[in-house]
């Protein structure tokens, strides 16, 4: 479908994601202003604190957003996944422009004006309230304006920690190679940033006009405009405010539900949705925390933010437990289950019936032209190839370093390390020539890619399982038993293609499979 047809069919979901995005931006910016402006005022009275506090704010701004989210997750009280963590992270990113502009605005007030106010007998508090703040307000509003735009942009990353927002469409579009999703998320985020920038800019203009004309009518206009904006945003984001309040004040609710998480790729979401719907059919309340990036699902499980998520034995064995790769599937499962129970008090479900092994992929036309079938057959042709691999493959024990040694690859060009979803797009577009994907990905068929056979049996087995917290194992045991060996490799590839190739929603695909 074209973009406008996509909007017609998905406008309700886009509207909901926009509301989530606005909630994150509104609350985080409000926190930044309520804390940052008083802190900026303090720094004008205690100049010795300017260097350490502004330096700390500078450092916070340079921390990569996804890394900051990951660092916050395990922290008690302020950490976790969902809106709470995202709001704290966004507020931290917004502090610098708010604090710096508050200091700059107040320090920039003409000293002669302050001297005149002192000569009139004003106290320091009166000078601040009646002279410095009114004159500094345009500069402070500029800082708020910058903070809002920063928050709108960084909030797209919040989807990686289950906080929702327009980043959900952007990540989903990259994963499914769907430009409609990418455009919907990116354009909506850009429009929000422009509207927010324009709105704060109008307040600045009205205030500037008020100062020049000294008319109380202008103050009333500012008050009405700000009040209307707050009222609209409150009504618009009220459902998320209530959910956020429930999350903070009623932790007992979480104990009555099974919180199902997933990683940020199609197969993990489908498996998580299958589990969630299976539990709901048994009368179990379910909370979904899907599309968690990187190792956030594992970290969230350890932190008690989710109760169960789909994983692969090879990934758990090599990437989490840091063990050397083994090729015996039963032994990998046995050792992983034992060590997860001993080290983390986590339980592995029985295998789901398929393995999602690393898939060494080339373009279909290249494989057909050169009659390639195995990885070894590609070695003589690959010297001048440009390879591209996900960060996970480049860093893990069973990844690039061991793979290239096992097959004696000698690439003339340094591999491109990039997001896994983007490697598929780059391979299909001819920007790179070989990638390491996943053997059950629907994009393999959708993009006419070809999987080379791992003829040296380098990669360990990656049996699909669920990993659950030990205290939830009893609730999940019956559902785990029903899903044991229930999905074949071909069937999982078909389910992935239904999402990535046919553009069906994971919840629809999961429901059809359960039927």
Protein backbone atom coordinates (compact mmCIF):
# COMPACT_ATOMS: atom_id res chain seq x y z
CA UNK A 1 0.00 0.00 0.00
CA UNK A 2 1.12 3.61 -0.46
CA UNK A 3 1.78 5.92 2.47
CA UNK A 4 -1.65 7.56 2.49
CA UNK A 5 -3.42 4.19 2.47
CA UNK A 6 -1.19 3.17 5.37
CA UNK A 7 -2.23 6.28 7.33
CA UNK A 8 -5.92 5.58 6.65
CA UNK A 9 -5.60 2.05 8.02
CA UNK A 10 -3.34 2.80 10.96
CA UNK A 11 -4.26 6.32 12.10
CA UNK A 12 -5.68 5.11 15.41
CA UNK A 13 -2.43 3.39 16.39
CA UNK A 14 -0.41 6.38 15.17
CA UNK A 15 -2.62 8.65 17.26
CA UNK A 16 -2.06 6.47 20.35
CA UNK A 17 1.73 6.48 19.82
CA UNK A 18 1.66 10.27 19.40
CA UNK A 19 -0.16 10.60 22.72
CA UNK A 20 2.47 8.42 24.38
CA UNK A 21 5.22 10.53 22.85
CA UNK A 22 3.61 13.77 24.04
CA UNK A 23 3.22 12.38 27.54
CA UNK A 24 6.92 11.50 27.74
CA UNK A 25 8.00 14.92 26.42
CA UNK A 26 5.54 16.94 28.53
CA UNK A 27 6.32 15.26 31.86
CA UNK A 28 10.09 15.07 31.36
CA UNK A 29 10.35 18.71 30.27
CA UNK A 30 8.19 19.80 33.21
CA UNK A 31 10.56 17.98 35.60
CA UNK A 32 13.57 19.56 33.91
CA UNK A 33 12.10 23.07 34.23
CA UNK A 34 10.90 22.62 37.83
CA UNK A 35 14.34 21.41 38.92
CA UNK A 36 16.58 23.18 36.40
CA UNK A 37 15.38 26.78 36.80
CA UNK A 38 15.73 26.88 40.62
CA UNK A 39 19.10 25.16 40.26
CA UNK A 40 20.16 27.80 37.73
CA UNK A 41 19.10 30.55 40.14
CA UNK A 42 21.14 28.90 42.89
CA UNK A 43 24.21 28.86 40.66
CA UNK A 44 23.99 32.63 40.16
CA UNK A 45 24.17 33.00 43.97
CA UNK A 46 26.83 30.30 44.48
CA UNK A 47 29.25 30.71 41.58
CA UNK A 48 31.57 28.04 42.98
CA UNK A 49 28.92 25.43 42.14
CA UNK A 50 28.66 26.39 38.46
CA UNK A 51 31.62 24.36 37.22
CA UNK A 52 30.72 21.01 38.87
CA UNK A 53 26.97 21.20 38.21
CA UNK A 54 27.18 22.46 34.62
CA UNK A 55 30.00 19.98 34.00
CA UNK A 56 27.82 17.13 35.25
CA UNK A 57 24.94 18.28 33.03
CA UNK A 58 27.35 18.41 30.07
CA UNK A 59 28.50 14.85 30.76
CA UNK A 60 24.91 13.58 30.99
CA UNK A 61 24.18 15.11 27.60
CA UNK A 62 27.09 13.25 25.98
CA UNK A 63 26.04 9.79 27.23
CA UNK A 64 24.41 7.86 24.35
CA UNK A 65 20.67 7.65 24.97
CA UNK A 66 20.34 3.87 24.71
CA UNK A 67 23.29 3.44 27.08
CA UNK A 68 21.66 5.78 29.59
CA UNK A 69 18.41 3.81 29.42
CA UNK A 70 20.36 0.60 29.98
CA UNK A 71 22.20 2.05 32.98
CA UNK A 72 18.94 3.20 34.58
CA UNK A 73 17.07 -0.12 34.28
CA UNK A 74 18.68 -2.00 37.21
CA UNK A 75 18.56 0.98 39.61
CA UNK A 76 16.01 0.60 42.44
CA UNK A 77 13.06 3.00 42.63
CA UNK A 78 14.05 5.15 39.64
CA UNK A 79 14.93 2.34 37.20
CA UNK A 80 13.03 -0.33 35.33
CA UNK A 81 11.41 -0.37 31.91
CA UNK A 82 8.52 1.69 30.64
CA UNK A 83 7.58 5.35 31.01
CA UNK A 84 9.29 5.96 34.36
CA UNK A 85 12.80 5.24 33.09
CA UNK A 86 12.20 7.14 29.86
CA UNK A 87 10.96 10.24 31.70
CA UNK A 88 13.99 10.27 34.00
CA UNK A 89 16.39 9.85 31.08
CA UNK A 90 14.70 12.58 29.03
CA UNK A 91 14.71 14.94 32.01
CA UNK A 92 18.45 14.36 32.47
CA UNK A 93 19.04 15.22 28.80
CA UNK A 94 16.93 18.40 29.16
CA UNK A 95 18.71 19.78 32.24
CA UNK A 96 21.68 21.34 30.43
CA UNK A 97 19.84 23.90 28.24
CA UNK A 98 17.43 24.78 31.05
CA UNK A 99 20.12 25.29 33.72
CA UNK A 100 22.59 27.01 31.40
CA UNK A 101 20.02 29.46 30.01
CA UNK A 102 18.72 30.26 33.51
CA UNK A 103 22.27 31.15 34.58
CA UNK A 104 23.01 33.07 31.37
CA UNK A 105 19.74 35.01 31.53
CA UNK A 106 20.13 36.12 35.14
CA UNK A 107 23.88 36.85 34.92
CA UNK A 108 23.22 38.82 31.72
CA UNK A 109 20.95 41.36 33.41
CA UNK A 110 22.55 44.81 33.26
CA UNK A 111 24.40 45.41 36.57
CA UNK A 112 23.27 49.06 36.56
CA UNK A 113 19.65 47.95 36.72
CA UNK A 114 20.40 45.76 39.74
CA UNK A 115 22.34 48.60 41.36
CA UNK A 116 19.34 50.88 40.89
CA UNK A 117 17.05 48.27 42.46
CA UNK A 118 19.42 47.95 45.43
CA UNK A 119 19.52 51.73 45.81
CA UNK A 120 15.71 51.70 45.98
CA UNK A 121 15.96 49.41 49.02
CA UNK A 122 14.97 46.11 47.38
CA UNK A 123 16.10 42.88 49.01
CA UNK A 124 17.89 40.16 47.05
CA UNK A 125 14.65 38.18 46.82
CA UNK A 126 12.75 41.19 45.53
CA UNK A 127 15.46 41.92 42.95
CA UNK A 128 15.28 38.31 41.77
CA UNK A 129 11.48 38.29 41.55
CA UNK A 130 10.84 41.79 40.18
CA UNK A 131 13.97 42.51 38.13
CA UNK A 132 16.18 39.55 37.24
CA UNK A 133 13.58 36.88 36.43
CA UNK A 134 11.36 39.14 34.25
CA UNK A 135 14.39 40.32 32.26
CA UNK A 136 15.92 36.85 32.05
CA UNK A 137 12.69 35.09 31.08
CA UNK A 138 13.22 35.30 27.27
CA UNK A 139 16.60 33.58 27.64
CA UNK A 140 15.11 30.97 30.01
CA UNK A 141 12.28 30.29 27.54
CA UNK A 142 14.87 29.74 24.82
CA UNK A 143 16.43 27.05 27.01
CA UNK A 144 13.01 25.45 27.53
CA UNK A 145 12.46 25.60 23.78
CA UNK A 146 15.73 23.75 23.14
CA UNK A 147 14.93 21.21 25.88
CA UNK A 148 11.53 20.42 24.35
CA UNK A 149 13.01 19.81 20.90
CA UNK A 150 15.73 17.59 22.40
CA UNK A 151 13.12 15.62 24.34
CA UNK A 152 10.97 15.07 21.23
CA UNK A 153 13.95 13.64 19.36
CA UNK A 154 15.43 11.51 22.14
CA UNK A 155 11.97 10.19 23.10
CA UNK A 156 12.01 8.08 19.93
CA UNK A 157 14.72 5.93 21.58
CA UNK A 158 12.38 5.35 24.54
CA UNK A 159 10.60 2.66 22.51
CA UNK A 160 13.65 0.46 23.12
CA UNK A 161 12.78 0.29 26.84
CA UNK A 162 9.07 -0.35 26.35
CA UNK A 163 7.98 3.26 26.89
CA UNK A 164 6.10 3.48 23.59
CA UNK A 165 5.96 6.65 21.54
CA UNK A 166 6.67 7.26 17.88
CA UNK A 167 10.00 5.45 18.09
CA UNK A 168 7.94 2.25 18.08
CA UNK A 169 7.10 2.84 14.41
CA UNK A 170 10.68 3.78 13.56
CA UNK A 171 12.21 0.66 15.13
CA UNK A 172 9.45 -1.51 13.67
CA UNK A 173 9.98 0.00 10.21
CA UNK A 174 13.71 -0.77 10.32
CA UNK A 175 13.03 -4.31 11.50
CA UNK A 176 10.36 -5.05 8.89
CA UNK A 177 11.97 -3.08 6.04
CA UNK A 178 8.77 -1.02 5.86
CA UNK A 179 9.19 2.57 4.67
CA UNK A 180 5.59 3.43 5.57
CA UNK A 181 6.30 2.75 9.24
CA UNK A 182 9.57 4.69 9.07
CA UNK A 183 7.93 7.69 7.43
CA UNK A 184 4.96 7.70 9.81
CA UNK A 185 7.20 7.68 12.88
CA UNK A 186 9.81 10.10 11.55
CA UNK A 187 7.40 12.64 10.05
CA UNK A 188 5.15 12.65 13.12
CA UNK A 189 8.15 13.15 15.40
CA UNK A 190 9.44 16.00 13.23
CA UNK A 191 6.01 17.67 13.17
CA UNK A 192 5.78 17.43 16.97
CA UNK A 193 9.20 19.05 17.32
CA UNK A 194 8.22 21.90 14.95
CA UNK A 195 4.88 22.49 16.69
CA UNK A 196 6.49 22.50 20.14
CA UNK A 197 9.24 24.86 18.96
CA UNK A 198 6.66 27.17 17.40
CA UNK A 199 4.45 27.17 20.52
CA UNK A 200 7.27 28.11 22.91
CA UNK A 201 8.50 30.64 20.37
CA UNK A 202 5.09 32.32 20.37
CA UNK A 203 5.21 32.63 24.15
CA UNK A 204 8.63 34.28 23.82
CA UNK A 205 7.28 36.78 21.28
CA UNK A 206 4.24 37.63 23.36
CA UNK A 207 6.39 38.19 26.43
CA UNK A 208 8.84 40.36 24.49
CA UNK A 209 5.89 42.47 23.28
CA UNK A 210 4.66 42.68 26.87
CA UNK A 211 8.02 44.00 28.08
CA UNK A 212 8.15 46.65 25.36
CA UNK A 213 4.56 47.85 25.78
CA UNK A 214 4.23 47.14 29.50
CA UNK A 215 0.62 46.07 29.08
CA UNK A 216 -1.11 43.65 31.44
CA UNK A 217 -3.21 42.39 28.51
CA UNK A 218 -0.14 40.68 27.13
CA UNK A 219 0.43 38.92 30.45
CA UNK A 220 -3.12 37.67 30.33
CA UNK A 221 -2.52 36.34 26.82
CA UNK A 222 0.52 34.41 28.03
CA UNK A 223 -1.43 33.01 30.98
CA UNK A 224 -4.34 31.94 28.76
CA UNK A 225 -2.02 30.41 26.16
CA UNK A 226 -0.01 28.44 28.72
CA UNK A 227 -3.14 27.34 30.59
CA UNK A 228 -4.77 26.15 27.35
CA UNK A 229 -1.66 24.23 26.36
CA UNK A 230 -1.44 22.55 29.79
CA UNK A 231 -5.16 21.69 29.72
CA UNK A 232 -4.97 20.19 26.22
CA UNK A 233 -1.86 18.19 27.04
CA UNK A 234 -3.35 16.96 30.31
CA UNK A 235 -6.55 15.75 28.62
CA UNK A 236 -4.58 14.33 25.70
CA UNK A 237 -2.21 12.35 27.90
CA UNK A 238 -4.52 11.57 30.83
CA UNK A 239 -4.68 7.79 30.18
CA UNK A 240 -0.90 7.57 30.34
CA UNK A 241 -0.76 9.74 33.47
CA UNK A 242 -3.14 7.32 35.18
CA UNK A 243 -1.17 4.30 34.00
CA UNK A 244 2.07 5.89 35.17
CA UNK A 245 0.55 6.68 38.58
CA UNK A 246 -0.70 3.11 38.84
CA UNK A 247 2.77 1.79 38.01
CA UNK A 248 4.34 3.93 40.75
CA UNK A 249 1.79 3.61 43.54
CA UNK A 250 0.36 0.14 43.04
CA UNK A 251 3.23 -2.34 42.66
CA UNK A 252 0.89 -5.08 43.90
CA UNK A 253 -0.85 -5.01 40.53
CA UNK A 254 2.34 -6.28 38.91
CA UNK A 255 2.36 -9.27 41.27
CA UNK A 256 -1.08 -10.32 40.01
CA UNK A 257 -0.05 -10.38 36.35
CA UNK A 258 2.53 -12.05 34.14
CA UNK A 259 4.66 -9.39 32.50
CA UNK A 260 5.73 -10.77 29.13
CA UNK A 261 8.70 -9.11 27.46
CA UNK A 262 10.35 -9.46 24.08
CA UNK A 263 13.45 -8.33 22.24
CA UNK A 264 13.24 -5.81 19.42
CA UNK A 265 12.93 -8.12 16.41
CA UNK A 266 9.96 -9.74 14.71
CA UNK A 267 10.37 -13.33 15.86
CA UNK A 268 10.79 -12.41 19.51
CA UNK A 269 7.63 -10.29 19.39
CA UNK A 270 5.63 -13.08 17.73
CA UNK A 271 6.76 -15.64 20.30
CA UNK A 272 6.01 -13.25 23.16
CA UNK A 273 2.55 -12.58 21.71
CA UNK A 274 1.88 -16.32 21.37
CA UNK A 275 2.77 -16.79 25.03
CA UNK A 276 0.73 -13.77 26.13
CA UNK A 277 -2.39 -14.87 24.25
CA UNK A 278 -1.98 -18.45 25.48
CA UNK A 279 -1.88 -17.17 29.07
CA UNK A 280 -4.91 -14.95 28.52
CA UNK A 281 -6.86 -17.93 27.19
CA UNK A 282 -6.13 -19.61 30.54
CA UNK A 283 -7.48 -16.61 32.44
CA UNK A 284 -4.08 -15.16 33.42
CA UNK A 285 -3.73 -11.37 33.37
CA UNK A 286 -0.89 -10.27 31.08
CA UNK A 287 1.12 -7.07 30.76
CA UNK A 288 3.12 -6.68 27.54
CA UNK A 289 6.57 -5.07 27.52
CA UNK A 290 7.69 -5.71 23.94
CA UNK A 291 10.49 -4.49 21.68
CA UNK A 292 13.24 -4.08 24.28
CA UNK A 293 16.56 -3.33 22.60
CA UNK A 294 19.91 -5.06 23.11
CA UNK A 295 20.22 -6.96 26.41
CA UNK A 296 17.45 -4.92 28.03
CA UNK A 297 15.11 -7.92 28.16
CA UNK A 298 17.62 -9.94 30.18
CA UNK A 299 18.43 -6.98 32.43
CA UNK A 300 14.74 -6.26 32.95
CA UNK A 301 14.16 -9.90 33.90
CA UNK A 302 16.92 -9.77 36.51
CA UNK A 303 15.59 -6.45 37.83
CA UNK A 304 12.07 -7.87 38.20
CA UNK A 305 10.58 -5.55 35.58
CA UNK A 306 9.34 -8.45 33.43
CA UNK A 307 8.62 -12.09 34.28
CA UNK A 308 9.35 -13.97 31.04
CA UNK A 309 10.69 -13.42 27.52
CA UNK A 310 11.78 -15.52 24.50
CA UNK A 311 15.47 -16.36 24.23
CA UNK A 312 17.81 -18.78 22.43
CA UNK A 313 20.02 -21.32 24.16
CA UNK A 314 23.10 -20.43 22.10
CA UNK A 315 22.71 -16.73 22.94
CA UNK A 316 22.18 -17.45 26.64
CA UNK A 317 25.13 -19.86 26.72
CA UNK A 318 27.69 -17.67 24.92
CA UNK A 319 26.52 -14.05 25.30
CA UNK A 320 25.08 -14.15 28.84
CA UNK A 321 26.97 -16.99 30.54
CA UNK A 322 30.16 -16.23 28.54
CA UNK A 323 30.82 -19.92 27.83
CA UNK A 324 32.72 -21.24 24.82
CA UNK A 325 30.44 -22.46 21.99
CA UNK A 326 29.30 -26.10 21.89
CA UNK A 327 27.64 -27.91 19.00
CA UNK A 328 25.62 -30.40 21.08
CA UNK A 329 22.12 -28.89 21.35
CA UNK A 330 21.05 -31.07 24.29
CA UNK A 331 24.22 -30.27 26.25
CA UNK A 332 23.88 -26.53 25.62
CA UNK A 333 20.29 -26.64 26.86
CA UNK A 334 21.21 -28.71 29.94
CA UNK A 335 24.12 -26.52 31.00
CA UNK A 336 22.23 -23.28 30.31
CA UNK A 337 19.22 -24.38 32.34
CA UNK A 338 21.38 -25.45 35.27
CA UNK A 339 23.51 -22.29 35.36
CA UNK A 340 20.55 -19.94 34.89
CA UNK A 341 18.86 -21.55 37.90
CA UNK A 342 22.00 -21.39 40.04
CA UNK A 343 23.21 -17.90 39.10
CA UNK A 344 20.01 -15.99 38.39
CA UNK A 345 17.13 -18.06 39.84
CA UNK A 346 15.69 -18.19 36.32
CA UNK A 347 13.96 -21.14 34.66
CA UNK A 348 14.12 -22.27 31.04
CA UNK A 349 11.02 -23.62 29.34
CA UNK A 350 11.20 -26.79 27.23
CA UNK A 351 12.42 -26.08 23.66
CA UNK A 352 9.72 -24.66 21.38
CA UNK A 353 10.69 -26.95 18.49
CA UNK A 354 12.90 -24.84 16.23
CA UNK A 355 16.34 -23.26 16.16
CA UNK A 356 17.07 -19.76 14.96
CA UNK A 357 20.71 -20.17 14.00
CA UNK A 358 22.96 -17.50 12.57
CA UNK A 359 22.35 -17.30 8.82
CA UNK A 360 25.20 -16.19 6.54
CA UNK A 361 23.34 -14.35 3.78
CA UNK A 362 24.13 -13.05 0.31
CA UNK A 363 21.85 -11.62 -2.36
CA UNK A 364 19.89 -14.25 -4.24
CA UNK A 365 21.17 -13.02 -7.61
CA UNK A 366 24.80 -13.40 -6.44
CA UNK A 367 24.18 -16.95 -5.20
CA UNK A 368 22.47 -17.95 -8.46
CA UNK A 369 25.09 -16.32 -10.67
CA UNK A 370 28.01 -18.03 -8.89
CA UNK A 371 26.16 -21.25 -7.99
CA UNK A 372 26.89 -20.69 -4.29
CA UNK A 373 25.46 -23.09 -1.73
CA UNK A 374 27.91 -23.20 1.20
CA UNK A 375 29.96 -20.66 3.14
CA UNK A 376 33.20 -22.34 2.00
CA UNK A 377 32.26 -21.79 -1.66
CA UNK A 378 31.93 -18.04 -0.98
CA UNK A 379 35.45 -17.66 0.47
CA UNK A 380 37.35 -17.40 -2.88
CA UNK A 381 34.92 -14.74 -4.12
CA UNK A 382 34.78 -12.68 -0.96
CA UNK A 383 38.14 -10.92 -0.79
CA UNK A 384 36.80 -7.61 -2.10
CA UNK A 385 33.34 -7.98 -0.61
CA UNK A 386 32.05 -5.43 1.87
CA UNK A 387 30.58 -7.22 4.87
CA UNK A 388 28.18 -5.83 7.44
CA UNK A 389 27.32 -7.34 10.82
CA UNK A 390 25.21 -6.45 13.83
CA UNK A 391 26.90 -5.31 17.03
CA UNK A 392 25.91 -8.57 18.71
CA UNK A 393 27.63 -10.73 16.08
CA UNK A 394 30.78 -8.59 16.18
CA UNK A 395 31.18 -8.83 19.96
CA UNK A 396 30.16 -12.34 21.01
CA UNK A 397 32.38 -15.42 21.39
CA UNK A 398 30.65 -17.29 18.56
CA UNK A 399 30.61 -14.24 16.29
CA UNK A 400 32.76 -12.61 13.65
CA UNK A 401 36.27 -13.27 14.97
CA UNK A 402 35.84 -17.04 15.33
CA UNK A 403 33.72 -17.30 12.18
CA UNK A 404 36.30 -15.59 9.95
CA UNK A 405 39.09 -17.78 11.38
CA UNK A 406 37.10 -20.99 10.99
CA UNK A 407 36.49 -20.35 7.27
CA UNK A 408 39.80 -18.51 6.62
CA UNK A 409 38.09 -15.38 5.30
CA UNK A 410 40.45 -12.60 4.31
CA UNK A 411 38.28 -9.57 3.65
CA UNK A 412 40.18 -6.62 2.18
CA UNK A 413 37.65 -4.18 3.68
CA UNK A 414 36.89 -3.75 7.35
CA UNK A 415 33.40 -5.09 8.21
CA UNK A 416 30.71 -2.47 8.76
CA UNK A 417 29.33 -2.76 12.30
CA UNK A 418 25.71 -1.60 12.23
CA UNK A 419 22.19 -2.24 13.45
CA UNK A 420 21.06 -5.76 12.48
CA UNK A 421 17.83 -4.51 10.88
CA UNK A 422 19.80 -2.16 8.64
CA UNK A 423 22.14 -4.92 7.44
CA UNK A 424 19.23 -6.54 5.59
CA UNK A 425 18.33 -3.28 3.85
CA UNK A 426 21.98 -2.58 2.98
CA UNK A 427 22.47 -6.11 1.58
CA UNK A 428 19.34 -5.92 -0.58
CA UNK A 429 20.41 -2.47 -1.85
CA UNK A 430 23.88 -3.74 -2.83
CA UNK A 431 25.72 -1.59 -0.29
CA UNK A 432 27.21 -4.67 1.38
CA UNK A 433 27.72 -8.20 0.08
CA UNK A 434 27.49 -10.56 3.07
CA UNK A 435 25.75 -10.38 6.44
CA UNK A 436 24.97 -12.60 9.43
CA UNK A 437 21.21 -12.68 9.91
CA UNK A 438 18.84 -15.15 11.54
CA UNK A 439 17.83 -18.35 9.79
CA UNK A 440 14.09 -17.93 10.43
CA UNK A 441 13.80 -14.26 9.40
CA UNK A 442 10.95 -13.48 7.04
CA UNK A 443 13.08 -10.83 5.32
CA UNK A 444 15.20 -13.58 3.73
CA UNK A 445 12.34 -14.46 1.39
CA UNK A 446 10.90 -10.94 1.24
CA UNK A 447 14.20 -9.45 -0.03
CA UNK A 448 15.30 -12.43 -2.19
CA UNK A 449 18.32 -13.27 -0.03
CA UNK A 450 20.08 -16.63 0.06
CA UNK A 451 21.36 -18.49 3.14
CA UNK A 452 24.72 -20.20 2.72
CA UNK A 453 25.07 -23.57 4.46
CA UNK A 454 27.37 -23.58 7.50
CA UNK A 455 29.27 -26.58 6.12
CA UNK A 456 31.92 -26.50 8.87
CA UNK A 457 29.26 -26.54 11.59
CA UNK A 458 30.81 -23.52 13.26
CA UNK A 459 27.74 -22.01 14.90
CA UNK A 460 26.29 -23.54 18.09
CA UNK A 461 22.58 -24.45 18.25
CA UNK A 462 20.11 -21.70 19.06
CA UNK A 463 17.04 -23.52 20.30
CA UNK A 464 14.14 -21.19 21.04
CA UNK A 465 12.95 -21.23 24.66
CA UNK A 466 11.27 -18.94 27.15
CA UNK A 467 13.20 -17.74 30.20
CA UNK A 468 11.13 -16.99 33.29
CA UNK A 469 11.66 -15.78 36.82
CA UNK A 470 11.72 -18.65 39.28
CA UNK A 471 8.78 -17.35 41.30
CA UNK A 472 6.56 -17.35 38.18
CA UNK A 473 7.49 -20.85 36.94
CA UNK A 474 4.48 -22.55 38.52
CA UNK A 475 2.03 -20.18 36.80
CA UNK A 476 3.76 -20.66 33.46
CA UNK A 477 4.42 -24.40 33.59
CA UNK A 478 1.16 -25.54 31.96
CA UNK A 479 1.49 -23.06 29.10
CA UNK A 480 5.13 -23.98 28.58
CA UNK A 481 4.13 -27.64 28.32
CA UNK A 482 1.57 -26.85 25.59
CA UNK A 483 4.18 -24.96 23.56
CA UNK A 484 6.89 -27.62 23.84
CA UNK A 485 8.08 -28.61 20.32
CA UNK A 486 4.99 -26.89 18.91
CA UNK A 487 6.71 -24.74 16.23
CA UNK A 488 8.91 -26.06 13.45
CA UNK A 489 11.65 -24.04 11.75
CA UNK A 490 9.66 -23.77 8.50
CA UNK A 491 6.58 -22.71 10.44
CA UNK A 492 8.47 -20.01 12.32
CA UNK A 493 9.89 -18.69 9.07
CA UNK A 494 6.34 -18.54 7.68
CA UNK A 495 5.13 -16.62 10.74
CA UNK A 496 7.99 -14.15 10.41
CA UNK A 497 7.23 -13.68 6.71
CA UNK A 498 3.58 -12.98 7.52
CA UNK A 499 4.78 -9.97 9.55
CA UNK A 500 7.84 -8.83 7.55
CA UNK A 501 6.61 -9.72 4.08
CA UNK A 502 2.81 -9.54 4.27
CA UNK A 503 2.80 -6.71 6.84
CA UNK A 504 0.37 -8.39 9.25
CA UNK A 505 0.47 -7.37 12.91
CA UNK A 506 2.28 -9.83 15.24
CA UNK A 507 -0.82 -10.14 17.43
CA UNK A 508 -2.86 -11.18 14.37
CA UNK A 509 -0.24 -13.71 13.27
CA UNK A 510 -0.04 -15.13 16.80
CA UNK A 511 -3.84 -15.42 17.05
CA UNK A 512 -4.05 -17.22 13.70
CA UNK A 513 -1.35 -19.68 14.75
CA UNK A 514 -3.08 -20.39 18.06
CA UNK A 515 -6.33 -21.15 16.23
